C-alpha atoms as a PDB file:
ATOM      1  CA  ARG A   1      38.618 -20.462 -64.324  1.00  0.00           C
ATOM      2  CA  GLY A   2      42.054 -19.784 -62.951  1.00  0.00           C
ATOM      3  CA  ILE A   3      43.916 -21.162 -59.989  1.00  0.00           C
ATOM      4  CA  ASP A   4      47.025 -20.087 -58.132  1.00  0.00           C
ATOM      5  CA  ASP A   5      49.749 -22.687 -58.353  1.00  0.00           C
ATOM      6  CA  GLU A   6      49.858 -24.626 -55.109  1.00  0.00           C
ATOM      7  CA  ASN A   7      53.457 -23.553 -54.549  1.00  0.00           C
ATOM      8  CA  ILE A   8      52.692 -19.842 -54.778  1.00  0.00           C
ATOM      9  CA  ASN A   9      52.697 -18.320 -51.351  1.00  0.00           C
ATOM     10  CA  SER A  10      54.367 -14.921 -51.120  1.00  0.00           C
ATOM     11  CA  GLN A  11      57.689 -15.145 -52.858  1.00  0.00           C
ATOM     12  CA  PRO A  12      59.897 -12.037 -53.186  1.00  0.00           C
ATOM     13  CA  PHE A  13      59.142 -11.720 -56.891  1.00  0.00           C
ATOM     14  CA  GLN A  14      55.389 -12.158 -56.419  1.00  0.00           C
ATOM     15  CA  ARG A  15      53.882 -10.981 -53.144  1.00  0.00           C
ATOM     16  CA  TRP A  16      50.440 -12.289 -52.264  1.00  0.00           C
ATOM     17  CA  ARG A  17      48.685  -8.929 -51.800  1.00  0.00           C
ATOM     18  CA  GLU A  18      49.792  -7.571 -55.176  1.00  0.00           C
ATOM     19  CA  ARG A  19      48.906 -10.888 -56.836  1.00  0.00           C
ATOM     20  CA  PHE A  20      45.424 -10.883 -55.283  1.00  0.00           C
ATOM     21  CA  GLU A  21      44.820  -7.301 -56.492  1.00  0.00           C
ATOM     22  CA  PHE A  22      46.120  -8.052 -59.993  1.00  0.00           C
ATOM     23  CA  VAL A  23      43.993 -11.190 -60.309  1.00  0.00           C
ATOM     24  CA  ALA A  24      40.845  -9.500 -58.967  1.00  0.00           C
ATOM     25  CA  GLU A  25      41.226  -6.709 -61.513  1.00  0.00           C
ATOM     26  CA  ALA A  26      41.814  -9.203 -64.346  1.00  0.00           C
ATOM     27  CA  VAL A  27      38.800 -11.328 -63.365  1.00  0.00           C
ATOM     28  CA  LYS A  28      36.508  -8.298 -63.217  1.00  0.00           C
ATOM     29  CA  LEU A  29      37.787  -7.037 -66.578  1.00  0.00           C
ATOM     30  CA  ALA A  30      37.220 -10.452 -68.180  1.00  0.00           C
ATOM     31  CA  GLN A  31      33.675 -10.543 -66.784  1.00  0.00           C
ATOM     32  CA  ARG A  32      32.886  -7.080 -68.171  1.00  0.00           C
ATOM     33  CA  GLU A  33      34.314  -7.927 -71.580  1.00  0.00           C
ATOM     34  CA  THR A  34      32.621 -11.315 -71.954  1.00  0.00           C
ATOM     35  CA  GLY A  35      29.493 -10.982 -69.855  1.00  0.00           C
ATOM     36  CA  GLU A  36      30.389 -14.362 -68.360  1.00  0.00           C
ATOM     37  CA  VAL A  37      31.086 -15.243 -64.737  1.00  0.00           C
ATOM     38  CA  LYS A  38      34.801 -15.789 -64.178  1.00  0.00           C
ATOM     39  CA  GLY A  39      36.687 -17.036 -61.162  1.00  0.00           C
ATOM     40  CA  HIS A  40      40.103 -17.665 -59.708  1.00  0.00           C
ATOM     41  CA  TYR A  41      41.198 -19.638 -56.649  1.00  0.00           C
ATOM     42  CA  LEU A  42      43.392 -17.326 -54.566  1.00  0.00           C
ATOM     43  CA  ASN A  43      45.893 -19.311 -52.495  1.00  0.00           C
ATOM     44  CA  CYS A  44      45.574 -18.120 -48.884  1.00  0.00           C
ATOM     45  CA  THR A  45      48.021 -20.673 -47.446  1.00  0.00           C
ATOM     46  CA  ALA A  46      50.366 -18.854 -45.062  1.00  0.00           C
ATOM     47  CA  ASN A  47      52.953 -19.364 -42.342  1.00  0.00           C
ATOM     48  CA  THR A  48      50.595 -18.494 -39.481  1.00  0.00           C
ATOM     49  CA  PRO A  49      46.834 -18.721 -38.887  1.00  0.00           C
ATOM     50  CA  GLU A  50      46.690 -14.946 -38.477  1.00  0.00           C
ATOM     51  CA  GLU A  51      48.198 -14.403 -41.906  1.00  0.00           C
ATOM     52  CA  LEU A  52      45.922 -17.088 -43.391  1.00  0.00           C
ATOM     53  CA  TYR A  53      42.845 -15.206 -42.183  1.00  0.00           C
ATOM     54  CA  GLU A  54      44.319 -11.864 -43.277  1.00  0.00           C
ATOM     55  CA  ARG A  55      44.604 -13.224 -46.808  1.00  0.00           C
ATOM     56  CA  ALA A  56      41.101 -14.690 -46.710  1.00  0.00           C
ATOM     57  CA  GLU A  57      39.666 -11.364 -45.489  1.00  0.00           C
ATOM     58  CA  PHE A  58      41.509  -9.495 -48.229  1.00  0.00           C
ATOM     59  CA  ALA A  59      40.126 -11.850 -50.892  1.00  0.00           C
ATOM     60  CA  LYS A  60      36.647 -11.189 -49.512  1.00  0.00           C
ATOM     61  CA  GLU A  61      37.242  -7.401 -49.594  1.00  0.00           C
ATOM     62  CA  LEU A  62      38.189  -7.755 -53.272  1.00  0.00           C
ATOM     63  CA  ASP A  63      34.873  -9.577 -53.931  1.00  0.00           C
ATOM     64  CA  MET A  64      36.726 -12.743 -54.899  1.00  0.00           C
ATOM     65  CA  PRO A  65      34.418 -15.547 -53.712  1.00  0.00           C
ATOM     66  CA  ILE A  66      36.834 -18.501 -54.017  1.00  0.00           C
ATOM     67  CA  ILE A  67      39.970 -19.113 -51.987  1.00  0.00           C
ATOM     68  CA  MET A  68      42.328 -22.064 -51.837  1.00  0.00           C
ATOM     69  CA  HIS A  69      44.268 -23.722 -49.016  1.00  0.00           C
ATOM     70  CA  ASP A  70      47.051 -26.299 -49.271  1.00  0.00           C
ATOM     71  CA  TYR A  71      45.712 -28.510 -46.528  1.00  0.00           C
ATOM     72  CA  ILE A  72      48.751 -30.709 -45.857  1.00  0.00           C
ATOM     73  CA  THR A  73      51.371 -27.971 -45.906  1.00  0.00           C
ATOM     74  CA  GLY A  74      48.987 -25.506 -44.265  1.00  0.00           C
ATOM     75  CA  GLY A  75      47.895 -27.854 -41.509  1.00  0.00           C
ATOM     76  CA  PHE A  76      44.796 -29.872 -40.730  1.00  0.00           C
ATOM     77  CA  THR A  77      43.449 -27.610 -37.970  1.00  0.00           C
ATOM     78  CA  ALA A  78      44.143 -24.517 -40.067  1.00  0.00           C
ATOM     79  CA  ASN A  79      42.053 -26.132 -42.796  1.00  0.00           C
ATOM     80  CA  THR A  80      39.153 -26.814 -40.435  1.00  0.00           C
ATOM     81  CA  GLY A  81      39.261 -23.271 -39.092  1.00  0.00           C
ATOM     82  CA  LEU A  82      39.355 -21.799 -42.592  1.00  0.00           C
ATOM     83  CA  ALA A  83      36.456 -24.012 -43.703  1.00  0.00           C
ATOM     84  CA  ASN A  84      34.387 -22.711 -40.780  1.00  0.00           C
ATOM     85  CA  TRP A  85      35.394 -19.121 -41.608  1.00  0.00           C
ATOM     86  CA  CYS A  86      34.338 -19.624 -45.240  1.00  0.00           C
ATOM     87  CA  ARG A  87      30.923 -20.956 -44.207  1.00  0.00           C
ATOM     88  CA  LYS A  88      30.345 -17.924 -41.983  1.00  0.00           C
ATOM     89  CA  ASN A  89      31.504 -15.505 -44.687  1.00  0.00           C
ATOM     90  CA  GLY A  90      29.817 -16.985 -47.759  1.00  0.00           C
ATOM     91  CA  MET A  91      33.098 -17.934 -49.409  1.00  0.00           C
ATOM     92  CA  LEU A  92      33.958 -21.052 -51.398  1.00  0.00           C
ATOM     93  CA  LEU A  93      37.009 -23.036 -50.282  1.00  0.00           C
ATOM     94  CA  HIS A  94      39.066 -25.174 -52.628  1.00  0.00           C
ATOM     95  CA  ILE A  95      41.300 -27.626 -50.801  1.00  0.00           C
ATOM     96  CA  HIS A  96      44.483 -28.408 -52.681  1.00  0.00           C
ATOM     97  CA  ARG A  97      46.248 -31.654 -51.904  1.00  0.00           C
ATOM     98  CA  ALA A  98      49.777 -30.334 -52.456  1.00  0.00           C
ATOM     99  CA  MET A  99      52.384 -32.704 -50.997  1.00  0.00           C
ATOM    100  CA  HIS A 100      49.940 -35.613 -50.647  1.00  0.00           C
ATOM    101  CA  ALA A 101      52.067 -37.966 -52.752  1.00  0.00           C
ATOM    102  CA  VAL A 102      54.882 -37.774 -50.209  1.00  0.00           C
ATOM    103  CA  ILE A 103      52.497 -39.238 -47.650  1.00  0.00           C
ATOM    104  CA  ASP A 104      50.121 -41.524 -49.542  1.00  0.00           C
ATOM    105  CA  ARG A 105      51.780 -42.627 -52.787  1.00  0.00           C
ATOM    106  CA  HIS A 106      53.842 -45.579 -51.528  1.00  0.00           C
ATOM    107  CA  PRO A 107      51.690 -48.645 -50.682  1.00  0.00           C
ATOM    108  CA  LYS A 108      53.893 -49.836 -47.801  1.00  0.00           C
ATOM    109  CA  HIS A 109      54.098 -46.666 -45.721  1.00  0.00           C
ATOM    110  CA  GLY A 110      52.257 -43.439 -45.115  1.00  0.00           C
ATOM    111  CA  ILE A 111      48.601 -42.599 -44.737  1.00  0.00           C
ATOM    112  CA  HIS A 112      45.882 -43.663 -47.160  1.00  0.00           C
ATOM    113  CA  PHE A 113      44.394 -40.685 -48.980  1.00  0.00           C
ATOM    114  CA  ARG A 114      40.889 -41.558 -47.760  1.00  0.00           C
ATOM    115  CA  VAL A 115      42.097 -40.849 -44.233  1.00  0.00           C
ATOM    116  CA  LEU A 116      43.639 -37.551 -45.317  1.00  0.00           C
ATOM    117  CA  ALA A 117      40.448 -36.568 -47.132  1.00  0.00           C
ATOM    118  CA  LYS A 118      38.466 -36.783 -43.884  1.00  0.00           C
ATOM    119  CA  CYS A 119      40.720 -34.295 -42.062  1.00  0.00           C
END
């Protein structure tokens, strides 16, 4: 199982579309060679909801059943919308907690992670 690093978005040296295509090809090759089911969590986190859904749709077109969203940096409502989209489209959604420690690590300030987990 592979997973995009939570900080990977669409940096100049590694654009999301090319990364998705490369990973999809590698996963399918590994499945053919081993006869085993393989997977990778494609990070769909984006600057806008429109781009988030564009990435999710592209992952679906590539027959990649698992996507990932950085729910704190991506936004709580974006996460809820993407979760609903995944249910309707038969996709699995991995929620990454990137940046959570900034909010919930210190015991005297911030938000308890149990509260964040319910968002």
